[in-house]
């Protein structure tokens, strides 16, 4: 299950949109350097990344290898989104004027 929310950067205070995790039909990866997203669908993975193989490489590692590289880094399942201003990956959900967090979950 994935989630989407507004985040506040802990370094510069910028408010930006964050998506984390995939759904039942997709995997969401982020670049480990710039935070750019890459969404891979289940259909794409089924065609290109075998669930089981004899290489000894984990399924997550095979997904990351298939996802490839970004300009400055590699797409990783566990990499976080990054602030579009300062590139920090340290953020927290932003609160509105009523001190509430708005978060959407998706599958």
PDB file of N, CA and C in Angstrom:
ATOM      1  N   UNK A   1       0.843  -1.173   0.000  1.00  0.00           N
ATOM      2  CA  UNK A   1       0.000   0.000   0.000  1.00  0.00           C
ATOM      3  C   UNK A   1       0.890   1.240   0.000  1.00  0.00           C
ATOM      4  N   UNK A   2       0.500   2.203  -0.795  1.00  0.00           N
ATOM      5  CA  UNK A   2       1.251   3.447  -0.868  1.00  0.00           C
ATOM      6  C   UNK A   2       0.511   4.582  -0.187  1.00  0.00           C
ATOM      7  N   UNK A   3       1.202   5.697  -0.055  1.00  0.00           N
ATOM      8  CA  UNK A   3       0.568   6.881   0.519  1.00  0.00           C
ATOM      9  C   UNK A   3       1.113   8.130  -0.149  1.00  0.00           C
ATOM     10  N   UNK A   4       0.291   9.169  -0.127  1.00  0.00           N
ATOM     11  CA  UNK A   4       0.664  10.458  -0.702  1.00  0.00           C
ATOM     12  C   UNK A   4       0.288  11.543   0.295  1.00  0.00           C
ATOM     13  N   UNK A   5       1.199  12.508   0.471  1.00  0.00           N
ATOM     14  CA  UNK A   5       0.945  13.576   1.432  1.00  0.00           C
ATOM     15  C   UNK A   5       1.828  14.776   1.131  1.00  0.00           C
ATOM     16  N   UNK A   6       1.470  15.913   1.726  1.00  0.00           N
ATOM     17  CA  UNK A   6       2.340  17.082   1.663  1.00  0.00           C
ATOM     18  C   UNK A   6       3.361  16.952   2.771  1.00  0.00           C
ATOM     19  N   UNK A   7       4.601  17.209   2.443  1.00  0.00           N
ATOM     20  CA  UNK A   7       5.683  17.104   3.415  1.00  0.00           C
ATOM     21  C   UNK A   7       6.340  18.462   3.601  1.00  0.00           C
ATOM     22  N   UNK A   8       6.940  18.623   4.767  1.00  0.00           N
ATOM     23  CA  UNK A   8       7.711  19.834   5.054  1.00  0.00           C
ATOM     24  C   UNK A   8       9.162  19.419   5.247  1.00  0.00           C
ATOM     25  N   UNK A   9      10.043  20.016   4.455  1.00  0.00           N
ATOM     26  CA  UNK A   9      11.468  19.715   4.547  1.00  0.00           C
ATOM     27  C   UNK A   9      12.003  20.182   5.895  1.00  0.00           C
ATOM     28  N   UNK A  10      12.740  19.325   6.578  1.00  0.00           N
ATOM     29  CA  UNK A  10      13.319  19.676   7.875  1.00  0.00           C
ATOM     30  C   UNK A  10      14.516  20.610   7.743  1.00  0.00           C
ATOM     31  N   UNK A  11      15.097  20.692   6.556  1.00  0.00           N
ATOM     32  CA  UNK A  11      16.274  21.558   6.367  1.00  0.00           C
ATOM     33  C   UNK A  11      15.893  22.968   5.941  1.00  0.00           C
ATOM     34  N   UNK A  12      15.022  23.096   4.918  1.00  0.00           N
ATOM     35  CA  UNK A  12      14.740  24.438   4.381  1.00  0.00           C
ATOM     36  C   UNK A  12      13.297  24.894   4.569  1.00  0.00           C
ATOM     37  N   UNK A  13      12.415  23.996   5.018  1.00  0.00           N
ATOM     38  CA  UNK A  13      11.028  24.371   5.262  1.00  0.00           C
ATOM     39  C   UNK A  13      10.105  24.304   4.057  1.00  0.00           C
ATOM     40  N   UNK A  14      10.622  23.918   2.901  1.00  0.00           N
ATOM     41  CA  UNK A  14       9.802  23.820   1.684  1.00  0.00           C
ATOM     42  C   UNK A  14       8.682  22.789   1.885  1.00  0.00           C
ATOM     43  N   UNK A  15       7.498  23.112   1.366  1.00  0.00           N
ATOM     44  CA  UNK A  15       6.373  22.185   1.368  1.00  0.00           C
ATOM     45  C   UNK A  15       6.304  21.544  -0.023  1.00  0.00           C
ATOM     46  N   UNK A  16       6.260  20.225  -0.070  1.00  0.00           N
ATOM     47  CA  UNK A  16       6.228  19.530  -1.355  1.00  0.00           C
ATOM     48  C   UNK A  16       5.452  18.222  -1.238  1.00  0.00           C
ATOM     49  N   UNK A  17       5.034  17.698  -2.379  1.00  0.00           N
ATOM     50  CA  UNK A  17       4.249  16.475  -2.435  1.00  0.00           C
ATOM     51  C   UNK A  17       5.164  15.249  -2.402  1.00  0.00           C
ATOM     52  N   UNK A  18       4.773  14.253  -1.601  1.00  0.00           N
ATOM     53  CA  UNK A  18       5.547  13.014  -1.483  1.00  0.00           C
ATOM     54  C   UNK A  18       4.627  11.828  -1.747  1.00  0.00           C
ATOM     55  N   UNK A  19       5.119  10.897  -2.539  1.00  0.00           N
ATOM     56  CA  UNK A  19       4.462   9.599  -2.707  1.00  0.00           C
ATOM     57  C   UNK A  19       5.452   8.538  -2.254  1.00  0.00           C
ATOM     58  N   UNK A  20       4.958   7.619  -1.442  1.00  0.00           N
ATOM     59  CA  UNK A  20       5.797   6.531  -0.933  1.00  0.00           C
ATOM     60  C   UNK A  20       5.087   5.206  -1.171  1.00  0.00           C
ATOM     61  N   UNK A  21       5.836   4.210  -1.567  1.00  0.00           N
ATOM     62  CA  UNK A  21       5.288   2.878  -1.755  1.00  0.00           C
ATOM     63  C   UNK A  21       4.487   2.752  -3.026  1.00  0.00           C
ATOM     64  N   UNK A  22       4.268   1.555  -3.417  1.00  0.00           N
ATOM     65  CA  UNK A  22       3.461   1.291  -4.601  1.00  0.00           C
ATOM     66  C   UNK A  22       2.099   0.798  -4.184  1.00  0.00           C
ATOM     67  N   UNK A  23       1.407   0.240  -5.103  1.00  0.00           N
ATOM     68  CA  UNK A  23       0.110  -0.356  -4.828  1.00  0.00           C
ATOM     69  C   UNK A  23       0.161  -1.834  -5.140  1.00  0.00           C
ATOM     70  N   UNK A  24      -0.997  -2.450  -5.191  1.00  0.00           N
ATOM     71  CA  UNK A  24      -1.021  -3.885  -5.487  1.00  0.00           C
ATOM     72  C   UNK A  24      -0.601  -4.172  -6.923  1.00  0.00           C
ATOM     73  N   UNK A  25      -0.693  -3.153  -7.785  1.00  0.00           N
ATOM     74  CA  UNK A  25      -0.359  -3.337  -9.197  1.00  0.00           C
ATOM     75  C   UNK A  25       0.875  -2.567  -9.638  1.00  0.00           C
ATOM     76  N   UNK A  26       1.679  -2.083  -8.676  1.00  0.00           N
ATOM     77  CA  UNK A  26       2.844  -1.278  -9.061  1.00  0.00           C
ATOM     78  C   UNK A  26       3.885  -1.233  -7.949  1.00  0.00           C
ATOM     79  N   UNK A  27       5.077  -0.815  -8.335  1.00  0.00           N
ATOM     80  CA  UNK A  27       6.174  -0.568  -7.398  1.00  0.00           C
ATOM     81  C   UNK A  27       6.677   0.839  -7.685  1.00  0.00           C
ATOM     82  N   UNK A  28       6.799   1.652  -6.641  1.00  0.00           N
ATOM     83  CA  UNK A  28       7.296   3.016  -6.786  1.00  0.00           C
ATOM     84  C   UNK A  28       8.719   3.081  -6.244  1.00  0.00           C
ATOM     85  N   UNK A  29       9.644   3.509  -7.090  1.00  0.00           N
ATOM     86  CA  UNK A  29      11.038   3.667  -6.689  1.00  0.00           C
ATOM     87  C   UNK A  29      11.396   5.147  -6.758  1.00  0.00           C
ATOM     88  N   UNK A  30      12.432   5.533  -6.013  1.00  0.00           N
ATOM     89  CA  UNK A  30      12.982   6.885  -6.100  1.00  0.00           C
ATOM     90  C   UNK A  30      14.477   6.779  -6.385  1.00  0.00           C
ATOM     91  N   UNK A  31      14.999   7.774  -7.065  1.00  0.00           N
ATOM     92  CA  UNK A  31      16.444   7.845  -7.275  1.00  0.00           C
ATOM     93  C   UNK A  31      17.102   8.102  -5.929  1.00  0.00           C
ATOM     94  N   UNK A  32      18.184   7.391  -5.654  1.00  0.00           N
ATOM     95  CA  UNK A  32      18.870   7.551  -4.373  1.00  0.00           C
ATOM     96  C   UNK A  32      19.698   8.830  -4.293  1.00  0.00           C
ATOM     97  N   UNK A  33      19.762   9.585  -5.383  1.00  0.00           N
ATOM     98  CA  UNK A  33      20.518  10.841  -5.394  1.00  0.00           C
ATOM     99  C   UNK A  33      19.619  12.067  -5.510  1.00  0.00           C
ATOM    100  N   UNK A  34      18.670  12.038  -6.458  1.00  0.00           N
ATOM    101  CA  UNK A  34      17.836  13.231  -6.678  1.00  0.00           C
ATOM    102  C   UNK A  34      16.398  13.062  -6.210  1.00  0.00           C
ATOM    103  N   UNK A  35      15.962  11.829  -5.948  1.00  0.00           N
ATOM    104  CA  UNK A  35      14.606  11.589  -5.472  1.00  0.00           C
ATOM    105  C   UNK A  35      13.552  11.439  -6.550  1.00  0.00           C
ATOM    106  N   UNK A  36      13.947  11.520  -7.817  1.00  0.00           N
ATOM    107  CA  UNK A  36      12.986  11.382  -8.915  1.00  0.00           C
ATOM    108  C   UNK A  36      12.259  10.041  -8.812  1.00  0.00           C
ATOM    109  N   UNK A  37      10.959  10.055  -9.126  1.00  0.00           N
ATOM    110  CA  UNK A  37      10.151   8.844  -9.059  1.00  0.00           C
ATOM    111  C   UNK A  37      10.224   8.024 -10.342  1.00  0.00           C
ATOM    112  N   UNK A  38      10.057   6.720 -10.154  1.00  0.00           N
ATOM    113  CA  UNK A  38       9.868   5.824 -11.296  1.00  0.00           C
ATOM    114  C   UNK A  38       8.852   4.776 -10.857  1.00  0.00           C
ATOM    115  N   UNK A  39       7.756   4.693 -11.591  1.00  0.00           N
ATOM    116  CA  UNK A  39       6.694   3.747 -11.290  1.00  0.00           C
ATOM    117  C   UNK A  39       6.758   2.586 -12.270  1.00  0.00           C
ATOM    118  N   UNK A  40       6.833   1.381 -11.736  1.00  0.00           N
ATOM    119  CA  UNK A  40       6.831   0.178 -12.563  1.00  0.00           C
ATOM    120  C   UNK A  40       5.546  -0.583 -12.283  1.00  0.00           C
ATOM    121  N   UNK A  41       4.814  -0.906 -13.336  1.00  0.00           N
ATOM    122  CA  UNK A  41       3.554  -1.625 -13.166  1.00  0.00           C
ATOM    123  C   UNK A  41       3.800  -3.119 -12.993  1.00  0.00           C
ATOM    124  N   UNK A  42       2.819  -3.774 -12.409  1.00  0.00           N
ATOM    125  CA  UNK A  42       2.901  -5.222 -12.232  1.00  0.00           C
ATOM    126  C   UNK A  42       3.041  -5.916 -13.586  1.00  0.00           C
ATOM    127  N   UNK A  43       2.309  -5.448 -14.591  1.00  0.00           N
ATOM    128  CA  UNK A  43       2.416  -6.053 -15.927  1.00  0.00           C
ATOM    129  C   UNK A  43       3.834  -5.941 -16.467  1.00  0.00           C
ATOM    130  N   UNK A  44       4.441  -4.779 -16.297  1.00  0.00           N
ATOM    131  CA  UNK A  44       5.814  -4.564 -16.757  1.00  0.00           C
ATOM    132  C   UNK A  44       6.775  -5.487 -16.005  1.00  0.00           C
ATOM    133  N   UNK A  45       6.600  -5.583 -14.696  1.00  0.00           N
ATOM    134  CA  UNK A  45       7.476  -6.447 -13.897  1.00  0.00           C
ATOM    135  C   UNK A  45       7.282  -7.919 -14.264  1.00  0.00           C
ATOM    136  N   UNK A  46       6.026  -8.315 -14.449  1.00  0.00           N
ATOM    137  CA  UNK A  46       5.758  -9.719 -14.809  1.00  0.00           C
ATOM    138  C   UNK A  46       6.456 -10.109 -16.111  1.00  0.00           C
ATOM    139  N   UNK A  47       6.527  -9.185 -17.052  1.00  0.00           N
ATOM    140  CA  UNK A  47       7.154  -9.462 -18.347  1.00  0.00           C
ATOM    141  C   UNK A  47       8.677  -9.430 -18.292  1.00  0.00           C
ATOM    142  N   UNK A  48       9.241  -8.626 -17.378  1.00  0.00           N
ATOM    143  CA  UNK A  48      10.678  -8.354 -17.432  1.00  0.00           C
ATOM    144  C   UNK A  48      11.497  -8.765 -16.214  1.00  0.00           C
ATOM    145  N   UNK A  49      10.839  -9.053 -15.096  1.00  0.00           N
ATOM    146  CA  UNK A  49      11.571  -9.416 -13.878  1.00  0.00           C
ATOM    147  C   UNK A  49      10.972 -10.709 -13.320  1.00  0.00           C
ATOM    148  N   UNK A  50      11.638 -11.841 -13.514  1.00  0.00           N
ATOM    149  CA  UNK A  50      11.082 -13.104 -13.025  1.00  0.00           C
ATOM    150  C   UNK A  50      11.012 -13.135 -11.495  1.00  0.00           C
ATOM    151  N   UNK A  51       9.928 -13.710 -10.980  1.00  0.00           N
ATOM    152  CA  UNK A  51       9.790 -13.845  -9.526  1.00  0.00           C
ATOM    153  C   UNK A  51      10.896 -14.713  -8.946  1.00  0.00           C
ATOM    154  N   UNK A  52      11.218 -15.773  -9.656  1.00  0.00           N
ATOM    155  CA  UNK A  52      12.237 -16.714  -9.184  1.00  0.00           C
ATOM    156  C   UNK A  52      13.283 -16.874 -10.278  1.00  0.00           C
ATOM    157  N   UNK A  53      14.540 -16.802  -9.873  1.00  0.00           N
ATOM    158  CA  UNK A  53      15.609 -17.126 -10.818  1.00  0.00           C
ATOM    159  C   UNK A  53      16.752 -17.763 -10.044  1.00  0.00           C
ATOM    160  N   UNK A  54      17.732 -18.225 -10.726  1.00  0.00           N
ATOM    161  CA  UNK A  54      18.819 -18.974 -10.101  1.00  0.00           C
ATOM    162  C   UNK A  54      20.045 -18.116  -9.799  1.00  0.00           C
ATOM    163  N   UNK A  55      19.941 -16.810  -9.969  1.00  0.00           N
ATOM    164  CA  UNK A  55      21.110 -15.939  -9.815  1.00  0.00           C
ATOM    165  C   UNK A  55      21.511 -15.712  -8.362  1.00  0.00           C
ATOM    166  N   UNK A  56      20.585 -15.937  -7.435  1.00  0.00           N
ATOM    167  CA  UNK A  56      20.881 -15.643  -6.038  1.00  0.00           C
ATOM    168  C   UNK A  56      20.624 -14.186  -5.683  1.00  0.00           C
ATOM    169  N   UNK A  57      20.195 -13.401  -6.660  1.00  0.00           N
ATOM    170  CA  UNK A  57      19.892 -11.987  -6.423  1.00  0.00           C
ATOM    171  C   UNK A  57      18.431 -11.880  -5.993  1.00  0.00           C
ATOM    172  N   UNK A  58      18.171 -11.081  -4.959  1.00  0.00           N
ATOM    173  CA  UNK A  58      16.808 -10.956  -4.450  1.00  0.00           C
ATOM    174  C   UNK A  58      15.886 -10.319  -5.490  1.00  0.00           C
ATOM    175  N   UNK A  59      14.594 -10.544  -5.320  1.00  0.00           N
ATOM    176  CA  UNK A  59      13.603  -9.975  -6.238  1.00  0.00           C
ATOM    177  C   UNK A  59      13.690  -8.449  -6.239  1.00  0.00           C
ATOM    178  N   UNK A  60      13.833  -7.826  -5.065  1.00  0.00           N
ATOM    179  CA  UNK A  60      13.957  -6.362  -4.995  1.00  0.00           C
ATOM    180  C   UNK A  60      15.188  -5.874  -5.748  1.00  0.00           C
ATOM    181  N   UNK A  61      16.292  -6.588  -5.633  1.00  0.00           N
ATOM    182  CA  UNK A  61      17.505  -6.202  -6.366  1.00  0.00           C
ATOM    183  C   UNK A  61      17.303  -6.330  -7.876  1.00  0.00           C
ATOM    184  N   UNK A  62      16.568  -7.345  -8.295  1.00  0.00           N
ATOM    185  CA  UNK A  62      16.285  -7.503  -9.727  1.00  0.00           C
ATOM    186  C   UNK A  62      15.365  -6.389 -10.230  1.00  0.00           C
ATOM    187  N   UNK A  63      14.400  -5.977  -9.405  1.00  0.00           N
ATOM    188  CA  UNK A  63      13.533  -4.850  -9.772  1.00  0.00           C
ATOM    189  C   UNK A  63      14.376  -3.589  -9.930  1.00  0.00           C
ATOM    190  N   UNK A  64      15.265  -3.333  -8.976  1.00  0.00           N
ATOM    191  CA  UNK A  64      16.118  -2.142  -9.042  1.00  0.00           C
ATOM    192  C   UNK A  64      17.036  -2.180 -10.262  1.00  0.00           C
ATOM    193  N   UNK A  65      17.563  -3.342 -10.582  1.00  0.00           N
ATOM    194  CA  UNK A  65      18.418  -3.464 -11.773  1.00  0.00           C
ATOM    195  C   UNK A  65      17.607  -3.169 -13.032  1.00  0.00           C
ATOM    196  N   UNK A  66      16.391  -3.668 -13.087  1.00  0.00           N
ATOM    197  CA  UNK A  66      15.533  -3.411 -14.242  1.00  0.00           C
ATOM    198  C   UNK A  66      15.164  -1.924 -14.323  1.00  0.00           C
ATOM    199  N   UNK A  67      14.910  -1.293 -13.189  1.00  0.00           N
ATOM    200  CA  UNK A  67      14.533   0.130 -13.167  1.00  0.00           C
ATOM    201  C   UNK A  67      15.648   1.002 -13.721  1.00  0.00           C
ATOM    202  N   UNK A  68      16.882   0.581 -13.533  1.00  0.00           N
ATOM    203  CA  UNK A  68      18.012   1.289 -14.125  1.00  0.00           C
ATOM    204  C   UNK A  68      18.496   2.479 -13.326  1.00  0.00           C
ATOM    205  N   UNK A  69      19.186   3.342 -14.042  1.00  0.00           N
ATOM    206  CA  UNK A  69      19.823   4.490 -13.406  1.00  0.00           C
ATOM    207  C   UNK A  69      19.116   5.782 -13.770  1.00  0.00           C
ATOM    208  N   UNK A  70      19.228   6.725 -12.871  1.00  0.00           N
ATOM    209  CA  UNK A  70      18.794   8.098 -13.102  1.00  0.00           C
ATOM    210  C   UNK A  70      20.064   8.869 -13.480  1.00  0.00           C
ATOM    211  N   UNK A  71      19.953  10.142 -13.713  1.00  0.00           N
ATOM    212  CA  UNK A  71      21.143  10.925 -14.100  1.00  0.00           C
ATOM    213  C   UNK A  71      22.300  10.808 -13.109  1.00  0.00           C
ATOM    214  N   UNK A  72      21.994  10.933 -11.833  1.00  0.00           N
ATOM    215  CA  UNK A  72      23.085  10.944 -10.868  1.00  0.00           C
ATOM    216  C   UNK A  72      23.109   9.764  -9.929  1.00  0.00           C
ATOM    217  N   UNK A  73      22.136   8.885 -10.020  1.00  0.00           N
ATOM    218  CA  UNK A  73      22.077   7.780  -9.079  1.00  0.00           C
ATOM    219  C   UNK A  73      21.323   6.599  -9.653  1.00  0.00           C
ATOM    220  N   UNK A  74      20.801   5.791  -8.749  1.00  0.00           N
ATOM    221  CA  UNK A  74      20.070   4.591  -9.155  1.00  0.00           C
ATOM    222  C   UNK A  74      18.702   4.585  -8.489  1.00  0.00           C
ATOM    223  N   UNK A  75      17.730   4.020  -9.209  1.00  0.00           N
ATOM    224  CA  UNK A  75      16.397   3.885  -8.633  1.00  0.00           C
ATOM    225  C   UNK A  75      16.418   2.766  -7.606  1.00  0.00           C
ATOM    226  N   UNK A  76      15.929   3.090  -6.410  1.00  0.00           N
ATOM    227  CA  UNK A  76      15.928   2.145  -5.301  1.00  0.00           C
ATOM    228  C   UNK A  76      14.535   2.077  -4.684  1.00  0.00           C
ATOM    229  N   UNK A  77      14.149   0.902  -4.260  1.00  0.00           N
ATOM    230  CA  UNK A  77      12.847   0.733  -3.622  1.00  0.00           C
ATOM    231  C   UNK A  77      12.800   1.488  -2.298  1.00  0.00           C
ATOM    232  N   UNK A  78      13.888   1.486  -1.553  1.00  0.00           N
ATOM    233  CA  UNK A  78      13.880   2.117  -0.232  1.00  0.00           C
ATOM    234  C   UNK A  78      14.363   3.565  -0.227  1.00  0.00           C
ATOM    235  N   UNK A  79      14.746   4.098  -1.376  1.00  0.00           N
ATOM    236  CA  UNK A  79      15.164   5.508  -1.424  1.00  0.00           C
ATOM    237  C   UNK A  79      13.945   6.393  -1.195  1.00  0.00           C
ATOM    238  N   UNK A  80      14.168   7.509  -0.537  1.00  0.00           N
ATOM    239  CA  UNK A  80      13.081   8.426  -0.208  1.00  0.00           C
ATOM    240  C   UNK A  80      12.959   9.535  -1.250  1.00  0.00           C
ATOM    241  N   UNK A  81      11.793  10.162  -1.251  1.00  0.00           N
ATOM    242  CA  UNK A  81      11.615  11.379  -2.043  1.00  0.00           C
ATOM    243  C   UNK A  81      12.564  12.436  -1.481  1.00  0.00           C
ATOM    244  N   UNK A  82      12.815  13.487  -2.252  1.00  0.00           N
ATOM    245  CA  UNK A  82      13.723  14.548  -1.806  1.00  0.00           C
ATOM    246  C   UNK A  82      13.102  15.914  -2.033  1.00  0.00           C
ATOM    247  N   UNK A  83      13.504  16.848  -1.211  1.00  0.00           N
ATOM    248  CA  UNK A  83      13.038  18.227  -1.331  1.00  0.00           C
ATOM    249  C   UNK A  83      13.471  18.786  -2.688  1.00  0.00           C
ATOM    250  N   UNK A  84      12.544  19.410  -3.420  1.00  0.00           N
ATOM    251  CA  UNK A  84      12.911  19.960  -4.732  1.00  0.00           C
ATOM    252  C   UNK A  84      13.803  21.201  -4.644  1.00  0.00           C
ATOM    253  N   UNK A  85      13.929  21.792  -3.465  1.00  0.00           N
ATOM    254  CA  UNK A  85      14.753  22.988  -3.295  1.00  0.00           C
ATOM    255  C   UNK A  85      16.172  22.640  -2.836  1.00  0.00           C
ATOM    256  N   UNK A  86      16.290  21.900  -1.727  1.00  0.00           N
ATOM    257  CA  UNK A  86      17.627  21.642  -1.157  1.00  0.00           C
ATOM    258  C   UNK A  86      18.099  20.194  -1.313  1.00  0.00           C
ATOM    259  N   UNK A  87      17.248  19.316  -1.869  1.00  0.00           N
ATOM    260  CA  UNK A  87      17.581  17.918  -2.130  1.00  0.00           C
ATOM    261  C   UNK A  87      17.695  17.052  -0.872  1.00  0.00           C
ATOM    262  N   UNK A  88      17.263  17.553   0.271  1.00  0.00           N
ATOM    263  CA  UNK A  88      17.300  16.765   1.498  1.00  0.00           C
ATOM    264  C   UNK A  88      16.243  15.667   1.452  1.00  0.00           C
ATOM    265  N   UNK A  89      16.542  14.530   2.073  1.00  0.00           N
ATOM    266  CA  UNK A  89      15.527  13.485   2.201  1.00  0.00           C
ATOM    267  C   UNK A  89      14.980  13.426   3.630  1.00  0.00           C
ATOM    268  N   UNK A  90      15.188  14.505   4.370  1.00  0.00           N
ATOM    269  CA  UNK A  90      14.660  14.601   5.728  1.00  0.00           C
ATOM    270  C   UNK A  90      13.424  15.494   5.700  1.00  0.00           C
ATOM    271  N   UNK A  91      12.265  14.887   5.917  1.00  0.00           N
ATOM    272  CA  UNK A  91      11.013  15.630   5.890  1.00  0.00           C
ATOM    273  C   UNK A  91      10.024  14.977   6.840  1.00  0.00           C
ATOM    274  N   UNK A  92       8.944  15.688   7.083  1.00  0.00           N
ATOM    275  CA  UNK A  92       7.866  15.179   7.916  1.00  0.00           C
ATOM    276  C   UNK A  92       6.550  15.606   7.284  1.00  0.00           C
ATOM    277  N   UNK A  93       5.466  14.911   7.583  1.00  0.00           N
ATOM    278  CA  UNK A  93       4.186  15.350   7.036  1.00  0.00           C
ATOM    279  C   UNK A  93       3.887  16.790   7.467  1.00  0.00           C
ATOM    280  N   UNK A  94       3.437  17.595   6.515  1.00  0.00           N
ATOM    281  CA  UNK A  94       3.101  18.990   6.800  1.00  0.00           C
ATOM    282  C   UNK A  94       1.730  19.047   7.472  1.00  0.00           C
ATOM    283  N   UNK A  95       1.573  19.979   8.391  1.00  0.00           N
ATOM    284  CA  UNK A  95       0.287  20.169   9.062  1.00  0.00           C
ATOM    285  C   UNK A  95      -0.375  21.435   8.534  1.00  0.00           C
ATOM    286  N   UNK A  96      -1.711  21.416   8.481  1.00  0.00           N
ATOM    287  CA  UNK A  96      -2.428  22.607   8.033  1.00  0.00           C
ATOM    288  C   UNK A  96      -2.659  23.548   9.215  1.00  0.00           C
ATOM    289  N   UNK A  97      -3.401  24.620   9.000  1.00  0.00           N
ATOM    290  CA  UNK A  97      -3.589  25.614  10.072  1.00  0.00           C
ATOM    291  C   UNK A  97      -4.380  25.057  11.245  1.00  0.00           C
ATOM    292  N   UNK A  98      -5.081  23.940  11.037  1.00  0.00           N
ATOM    293  CA  UNK A  98      -5.805  23.283  12.128  1.00  0.00           C
ATOM    294  C   UNK A  98      -4.957  22.200  12.793  1.00  0.00           C
ATOM    295  N   UNK A  99      -3.685  22.172  12.454  1.00  0.00           N
ATOM    296  CA  UNK A  99      -2.723  21.202  13.002  1.00  0.00           C
ATOM    297  C   UNK A  99      -3.059  19.765  12.604  1.00  0.00           C
ATOM    298  N   UNK A 100      -3.631  19.608  11.402  1.00  0.00           N
ATOM    299  CA  UNK A 100      -3.977  18.280  10.904  1.00  0.00           C
ATOM    300  C   UNK A 100      -3.107  17.922   9.709  1.00  0.00           C
ATOM    301  N   UNK A 101      -2.871  16.635   9.568  1.00  0.00           N
ATOM    302  CA  UNK A 101      -2.117  16.107   8.434  1.00  0.00           C
ATOM    303  C   UNK A 101      -3.112  15.473   7.466  1.00  0.00           C
ATOM    304  N   UNK A 102      -2.972  15.795   6.208  1.00  0.00           N
ATOM    305  CA  UNK A 102      -3.816  15.191   5.180  1.00  0.00           C
ATOM    306  C   UNK A 102      -2.981  14.149   4.439  1.00  0.00           C
ATOM    307  N   UNK A 103      -3.437  12.901   4.514  1.00  0.00           N
ATOM    308  CA  UNK A 103      -2.686  11.818   3.892  1.00  0.00           C
ATOM    309  C   UNK A 103      -3.653  10.903   3.145  1.00  0.00           C
ATOM    310  N   UNK A 104      -3.314  10.556   1.931  1.00  0.00           N
ATOM    311  CA  UNK A 104      -4.134   9.643   1.137  1.00  0.00           C
ATOM    312  C   UNK A 104      -3.394   8.322   0.984  1.00  0.00           C
ATOM    313  N   UNK A 105      -4.099   7.239   1.209  1.00  0.00           N
ATOM    314  CA  UNK A 105      -3.537   5.904   1.025  1.00  0.00           C
ATOM    315  C   UNK A 105      -4.110   5.308  -0.250  1.00  0.00           C
ATOM    316  N   UNK A 106      -3.300   4.581  -0.971  1.00  0.00           N
ATOM    317  CA  UNK A 106      -3.766   3.967  -2.211  1.00  0.00           C
ATOM    318  C   UNK A 106      -3.219   2.557  -2.329  1.00  0.00           C
ATOM    319  N   UNK A 107      -3.874   1.789  -3.144  1.00  0.00           N
ATOM    320  CA  UNK A 107      -3.471   0.404  -3.315  1.00  0.00           C
ATOM    321  C   UNK A 107      -3.327   0.052  -4.765  1.00  0.00           C
TER     322      UNK A 107
END
